[in-house]
Amino acid sequence: AGDNTVSGRITFIRDMGSSVEVHLDCDGRDVLSVVQPRDWMGAGTGDIAHLRLPQNQCRVLAA
């Protein structure tokens, strides 16, 4: 819980070497996170994850 925090079910994980791509289903919306390996907790597809979005590190892309 807290500011800029979302929770969702992990739907996809891809090891990209220097980072991990993680997709979360957050109430029907796909949220993509790229996580550095040292921060990766090793959760699996289907697990619930809590994603903290530090304002100074977020990038919004138009679809």
PDB file of N, CA and C in Angstrom:
ATOM      1  N   ALA A   1       0.848  -1.190   0.000  1.00  0.00           N
ATOM      2  CA  ALA A   1       0.000   0.000   0.000  1.00  0.00           C
ATOM      3  C   ALA A   1       0.881   1.236   0.000  1.00  0.00           C
ATOM      4  N   GLY A   2       0.364   2.308  -0.566  1.00  0.00           N
ATOM      5  CA  GLY A   2       1.105   3.562  -0.595  1.00  0.00           C
ATOM      6  C   GLY A   2       0.915   4.281  -1.904  1.00  0.00           C
ATOM      7  N   ASP A   3       1.509   5.455  -1.984  1.00  0.00           N
ATOM      8  CA  ASP A   3       1.436   6.238  -3.214  1.00  0.00           C
ATOM      9  C   ASP A   3       2.134   5.521  -4.349  1.00  0.00           C
ATOM     10  N   ASN A   4       1.543   5.637  -5.541  1.00  0.00           N
ATOM     11  CA  ASN A   4       2.120   5.071  -6.759  1.00  0.00           C
ATOM     12  C   ASN A   4       2.409   3.577  -6.632  1.00  0.00           C
ATOM     13  N   THR A   5       1.487   2.836  -6.026  1.00  0.00           N
ATOM     14  CA  THR A   5       1.630   1.397  -5.885  1.00  0.00           C
ATOM     15  C   THR A   5       0.418   0.713  -6.509  1.00  0.00           C
ATOM     16  N   VAL A   6       0.670  -0.318  -7.315  1.00  0.00           N
ATOM     17  CA  VAL A   6      -0.408  -1.108  -7.905  1.00  0.00           C
ATOM     18  C   VAL A   6      -0.143  -2.580  -7.625  1.00  0.00           C
ATOM     19  N   SER A   7      -1.207  -3.355  -7.595  1.00  0.00           N
ATOM     20  CA  SER A   7      -1.098  -4.800  -7.409  1.00  0.00           C
ATOM     21  C   SER A   7      -1.766  -5.493  -8.583  1.00  0.00           C
ATOM     22  N   GLY A   8      -1.242  -6.635  -8.941  1.00  0.00           N
ATOM     23  CA  GLY A   8      -1.841  -7.387 -10.025  1.00  0.00           C
ATOM     24  C   GLY A   8      -1.269  -8.783 -10.105  1.00  0.00           C
ATOM     25  N   ARG A   9      -1.867  -9.587 -10.961  1.00  0.00           N
ATOM     26  CA  ARG A   9      -1.409 -10.956 -11.175  1.00  0.00           C
ATOM     27  C   ARG A   9      -0.393 -10.969 -12.313  1.00  0.00           C
ATOM     28  N   ILE A  10       0.724 -11.640 -12.099  1.00  0.00           N
ATOM     29  CA  ILE A  10       1.764 -11.748 -13.129  1.00  0.00           C
ATOM     30  C   ILE A  10       1.251 -12.633 -14.254  1.00  0.00           C
ATOM     31  N   THR A  11       1.262 -12.094 -15.482  1.00  0.00           N
ATOM     32  CA  THR A  11       0.777 -12.862 -16.638  1.00  0.00           C
ATOM     33  C   THR A  11       1.899 -13.287 -17.576  1.00  0.00           C
ATOM     34  N   PHE A  12       3.056 -12.652 -17.468  1.00  0.00           N
ATOM     35  CA  PHE A  12       4.149 -12.945 -18.403  1.00  0.00           C
ATOM     36  C   PHE A  12       5.458 -12.497 -17.783  1.00  0.00           C
ATOM     37  N   ILE A  13       6.502 -13.319 -17.922  1.00  0.00           N
ATOM     38  CA  ILE A  13       7.839 -12.979 -17.443  1.00  0.00           C
ATOM     39  C   ILE A  13       8.832 -13.346 -18.540  1.00  0.00           C
ATOM     40  N   ARG A  14       9.756 -12.432 -18.821  1.00  0.00           N
ATOM     41  CA  ARG A  14      10.817 -12.727 -19.800  1.00  0.00           C
ATOM     42  C   ARG A  14      12.152 -12.255 -19.243  1.00  0.00           C
ATOM     43  N   ASP A  15      13.105 -13.175 -19.159  1.00  0.00           N
ATOM     44  CA  ASP A  15      14.466 -12.843 -18.739  1.00  0.00           C
ATOM     45  C   ASP A  15      15.172 -12.213 -19.931  1.00  0.00           C
ATOM     46  N   MET A  16      15.606 -10.979 -19.764  1.00  0.00           N
ATOM     47  CA  MET A  16      16.256 -10.256 -20.860  1.00  0.00           C
ATOM     48  C   MET A  16      17.754 -10.078 -20.593  1.00  0.00           C
ATOM     49  N   GLY A  17      18.302 -10.898 -19.711  1.00  0.00           N
ATOM     50  CA  GLY A  17      19.730 -10.817 -19.413  1.00  0.00           C
ATOM     51  C   GLY A  17      20.030  -9.787 -18.344  1.00  0.00           C
ATOM     52  N   SER A  18      20.087  -8.517 -18.740  1.00  0.00           N
ATOM     53  CA  SER A  18      20.398  -7.457 -17.783  1.00  0.00           C
ATOM     54  C   SER A  18      19.169  -6.961 -17.039  1.00  0.00           C
ATOM     55  N   SER A  19      17.978  -7.442 -17.429  1.00  0.00           N
ATOM     56  CA  SER A  19      16.729  -7.050 -16.773  1.00  0.00           C
ATOM     57  C   SER A  19      15.686  -8.151 -16.968  1.00  0.00           C
ATOM     58  N   VAL A  20      14.560  -7.992 -16.275  1.00  0.00           N
ATOM     59  CA  VAL A  20      13.451  -8.934 -16.382  1.00  0.00           C
ATOM     60  C   VAL A  20      12.211  -8.145 -16.782  1.00  0.00           C
ATOM     61  N   GLU A  21      11.537  -8.566 -17.852  1.00  0.00           N
ATOM     62  CA  GLU A  21      10.288  -7.939 -18.290  1.00  0.00           C
ATOM     63  C   GLU A  21       9.136  -8.676 -17.613  1.00  0.00           C
ATOM     64  N   VAL A  22       8.278  -7.926 -16.936  1.00  0.00           N
ATOM     65  CA  VAL A  22       7.165  -8.518 -16.203  1.00  0.00           C
ATOM     66  C   VAL A  22       5.884  -7.799 -16.601  1.00  0.00           C
ATOM     67  N   HIS A  23       4.855  -8.569 -16.976  1.00  0.00           N
ATOM     68  CA  HIS A  23       3.530  -8.018 -17.275  1.00  0.00           C
ATOM     69  C   HIS A  23       2.593  -8.389 -16.133  1.00  0.00           C
ATOM     70  N   LEU A  24       1.842  -7.394 -15.649  1.00  0.00           N
ATOM     71  CA  LEU A  24       0.848  -7.612 -14.602  1.00  0.00           C
ATOM     72  C   LEU A  24      -0.535  -7.306 -15.153  1.00  0.00           C
ATOM     73  N   ASP A  25      -1.513  -8.116 -14.756  1.00  0.00           N
ATOM     74  CA  ASP A  25      -2.912  -7.815 -15.045  1.00  0.00           C
ATOM     75  C   ASP A  25      -3.456  -7.085 -13.827  1.00  0.00           C
ATOM     76  N   CYS A  26      -3.666  -5.789 -13.974  1.00  0.00           N
ATOM     77  CA  CYS A  26      -4.156  -4.934 -12.889  1.00  0.00           C
ATOM     78  C   CYS A  26      -5.583  -4.523 -13.221  1.00  0.00           C
ATOM     79  N   ASP A  27      -6.549  -5.294 -12.740  1.00  0.00           N
ATOM     80  CA  ASP A  27      -7.971  -5.033 -13.003  1.00  0.00           C
ATOM     81  C   ASP A  27      -8.254  -4.913 -14.498  1.00  0.00           C
ATOM     82  N   GLY A  28      -7.710  -5.839 -15.290  1.00  0.00           N
ATOM     83  CA  GLY A  28      -7.964  -5.874 -16.725  1.00  0.00           C
ATOM     84  C   GLY A  28      -7.047  -5.001 -17.559  1.00  0.00           C
ATOM     85  N   ARG A  29      -6.136  -4.310 -16.926  1.00  0.00           N
ATOM     86  CA  ARG A  29      -5.165  -3.473 -17.656  1.00  0.00           C
ATOM     87  C   ARG A  29      -3.791  -4.113 -17.565  1.00  0.00           C
ATOM     88  N   ASP A  30      -3.107  -4.169 -18.698  1.00  0.00           N
ATOM     89  CA  ASP A  30      -1.770  -4.740 -18.745  1.00  0.00           C
ATOM     90  C   ASP A  30      -0.765  -3.674 -18.334  1.00  0.00           C
ATOM     91  N   VAL A  31      -0.009  -3.956 -17.290  1.00  0.00           N
ATOM     92  CA  VAL A  31       1.042  -3.044 -16.825  1.00  0.00           C
ATOM     93  C   VAL A  31       2.374  -3.748 -17.046  1.00  0.00           C
ATOM     94  N   LEU A  32       3.281  -3.079 -17.730  1.00  0.00           N
ATOM     95  CA  LEU A  32       4.605  -3.618 -18.026  1.00  0.00           C
ATOM     96  C   LEU A  32       5.608  -3.004 -17.071  1.00  0.00           C
ATOM     97  N   SER A  33       6.449  -3.844 -16.497  1.00  0.00           N
ATOM     98  CA  SER A  33       7.534  -3.375 -15.651  1.00  0.00           C
ATOM     99  C   SER A  33       8.815  -4.029 -16.121  1.00  0.00           C
ATOM    100  N   VAL A  34       9.885  -3.272 -16.167  1.00  0.00           N
ATOM    101  CA  VAL A  34      11.204  -3.824 -16.446  1.00  0.00           C
ATOM    102  C   VAL A  34      11.994  -3.704 -15.156  1.00  0.00           C
ATOM    103  N   VAL A  35      12.429  -4.847 -14.642  1.00  0.00           N
ATOM    104  CA  VAL A  35      13.060  -4.925 -13.333  1.00  0.00           C
ATOM    105  C   VAL A  35      14.522  -5.328 -13.496  1.00  0.00           C
ATOM    106  N   GLN A  36      15.394  -4.683 -12.776  1.00  0.00           N
ATOM    107  CA  GLN A  36      16.804  -5.077 -12.778  1.00  0.00           C
ATOM    108  C   GLN A  36      16.929  -6.408 -12.031  1.00  0.00           C
ATOM    109  N   PRO A  37      17.788  -7.315 -12.505  1.00  0.00           N
ATOM    110  CA  PRO A  37      17.896  -8.631 -11.856  1.00  0.00           C
ATOM    111  C   PRO A  37      18.141  -8.567 -10.353  1.00  0.00           C
ATOM    112  N   ARG A  38      18.916  -7.609  -9.865  1.00  0.00           N
ATOM    113  CA  ARG A  38      19.206  -7.561  -8.431  1.00  0.00           C
ATOM    114  C   ARG A  38      17.954  -7.237  -7.614  1.00  0.00           C
ATOM    115  N   ASP A  39      16.914  -6.650  -8.260  1.00  0.00           N
ATOM    116  CA  ASP A  39      15.666  -6.328  -7.584  1.00  0.00           C
ATOM    117  C   ASP A  39      14.606  -7.413  -7.769  1.00  0.00           C
ATOM    118  N   TRP A  40      14.864  -8.397  -8.615  1.00  0.00           N
ATOM    119  CA  TRP A  40      13.870  -9.405  -8.950  1.00  0.00           C
ATOM    120  C   TRP A  40      13.709 -10.380  -7.793  1.00  0.00           C
ATOM    121  N   MET A  41      12.456 -10.627  -7.404  1.00  0.00           N
ATOM    122  CA  MET A  41      12.171 -11.483  -6.258  1.00  0.00           C
ATOM    123  C   MET A  41      11.897 -12.932  -6.663  1.00  0.00           C
ATOM    124  N   GLY A  42      11.900 -13.231  -7.945  1.00  0.00           N
ATOM    125  CA  GLY A  42      11.709 -14.602  -8.390  1.00  0.00           C
ATOM    126  C   GLY A  42      10.276 -15.105  -8.344  1.00  0.00           C
ATOM    127  N   ALA A  43       9.306 -14.226  -8.413  1.00  0.00           N
ATOM    128  CA  ALA A  43       7.901 -14.636  -8.453  1.00  0.00           C
ATOM    129  C   ALA A  43       7.619 -15.324  -9.788  1.00  0.00           C
ATOM    130  N   GLY A  44       6.506 -16.039  -9.853  1.00  0.00           N
ATOM    131  CA  GLY A  44       6.166 -16.762 -11.067  1.00  0.00           C
ATOM    132  C   GLY A  44       4.857 -16.304 -11.677  1.00  0.00           C
ATOM    133  N   THR A  45       4.606 -16.766 -12.897  1.00  0.00           N
ATOM    134  CA  THR A  45       3.351 -16.479 -13.569  1.00  0.00           C
ATOM    135  C   THR A  45       2.192 -16.966 -12.712  1.00  0.00           C
ATOM    136  N   GLY A  46       1.190 -16.099 -12.547  1.00  0.00           N
ATOM    137  CA  GLY A  46       0.037 -16.425 -11.727  1.00  0.00           C
ATOM    138  C   GLY A  46       0.126 -15.863 -10.318  1.00  0.00           C
ATOM    139  N   ASP A  47       1.325 -15.497  -9.877  1.00  0.00           N
ATOM    140  CA  ASP A  47       1.502 -14.917  -8.544  1.00  0.00           C
ATOM    141  C   ASP A  47       0.994 -13.477  -8.522  1.00  0.00           C
ATOM    142  N   ILE A  48       0.609 -13.010  -7.347  1.00  0.00           N
ATOM    143  CA  ILE A  48       0.239 -11.614  -7.148  1.00  0.00           C
ATOM    144  C   ILE A  48       1.511 -10.832  -6.828  1.00  0.00           C
ATOM    145  N   ALA A  49       1.667  -9.703  -7.474  1.00  0.00           N
ATOM    146  CA  ALA A  49       2.832  -8.845  -7.234  1.00  0.00           C
ATOM    147  C   ALA A  49       2.368  -7.428  -6.925  1.00  0.00           C
ATOM    148  N   HIS A  50       3.157  -6.735  -6.157  1.00  0.00           N
ATOM    149  CA  HIS A  50       2.901  -5.341  -5.810  1.00  0.00           C
ATOM    150  C   HIS A  50       4.015  -4.519  -6.442  1.00  0.00           C
ATOM    151  N   LEU A  51       3.635  -3.571  -7.254  1.00  0.00           N
ATOM    152  CA  LEU A  51       4.581  -2.781  -8.028  1.00  0.00           C
ATOM    153  C   LEU A  51       4.590  -1.347  -7.521  1.00  0.00           C
ATOM    154  N   ARG A  52       5.762  -0.889  -7.082  1.00  0.00           N
ATOM    155  CA  ARG A  52       5.911   0.494  -6.642  1.00  0.00           C
ATOM    156  C   ARG A  52       6.448   1.288  -7.818  1.00  0.00           C
ATOM    157  N   LEU A  53       5.815   2.408  -8.114  1.00  0.00           N
ATOM    158  CA  LEU A  53       6.169   3.241  -9.267  1.00  0.00           C
ATOM    159  C   LEU A  53       6.725   4.575  -8.793  1.00  0.00           C
ATOM    160  N   PRO A  54       8.033   4.652  -8.523  1.00  0.00           N
ATOM    161  CA  PRO A  54       8.610   5.921  -8.093  1.00  0.00           C
ATOM    162  C   PRO A  54       8.407   6.985  -9.171  1.00  0.00           C
ATOM    163  N   GLN A  55       7.838   8.102  -8.798  1.00  0.00           N
ATOM    164  CA  GLN A  55       7.490   9.150  -9.752  1.00  0.00           C
ATOM    165  C   GLN A  55       8.682   9.581 -10.606  1.00  0.00           C
ATOM    166  N   ASN A  56       9.848   9.676 -10.023  1.00  0.00           N
ATOM    167  CA  ASN A  56      11.019  10.155 -10.757  1.00  0.00           C
ATOM    168  C   ASN A  56      11.591   9.111 -11.716  1.00  0.00           C
ATOM    169  N   GLN A  57      11.072   7.878 -11.678  1.00  0.00           N
ATOM    170  CA  GLN A  57      11.574   6.830 -12.563  1.00  0.00           C
ATOM    171  C   GLN A  57      10.535   6.323 -13.554  1.00  0.00           C
ATOM    172  N   CYS A  58       9.353   6.948 -13.596  1.00  0.00           N
ATOM    173  CA  CYS A  58       8.278   6.510 -14.497  1.00  0.00           C
ATOM    174  C   CYS A  58       8.349   7.210 -15.843  1.00  0.00           C
ATOM    175  N   ARG A  59       7.984   6.473 -16.876  1.00  0.00           N
ATOM    176  CA  ARG A  59       7.878   7.017 -18.222  1.00  0.00           C
ATOM    177  C   ARG A  59       6.510   6.614 -18.762  1.00  0.00           C
ATOM    178  N   VAL A  60       5.744   7.564 -19.252  1.00  0.00           N
ATOM    179  CA  VAL A  60       4.441   7.279 -19.816  1.00  0.00           C
ATOM    180  C   VAL A  60       4.559   7.344 -21.331  1.00  0.00           C
ATOM    181  N   LEU A  61       4.080   6.295 -22.012  1.00  0.00           N
ATOM    182  CA  LEU A  61       4.143   6.219 -23.457  1.00  0.00           C
ATOM    183  C   LEU A  61       2.730   6.178 -24.009  1.00  0.00           C
ATOM    184  N   ALA A  62       2.474   6.980 -25.023  1.00  0.00           N
ATOM    185  CA  ALA A  62       1.153   6.997 -25.654  1.00  0.00           C
ATOM    186  C   ALA A  62       1.000   5.753 -26.506  1.00  0.00           C
ATOM    187  N   ALA A  63      -0.193   5.190 -26.505  1.00  0.00           N
ATOM    188  CA  ALA A  63      -0.447   3.984 -27.298  1.00  0.00           C
ATOM    189  C   ALA A  63      -0.900   4.349 -28.694  1.00  0.00           C
TER     190      ALA A  63
END
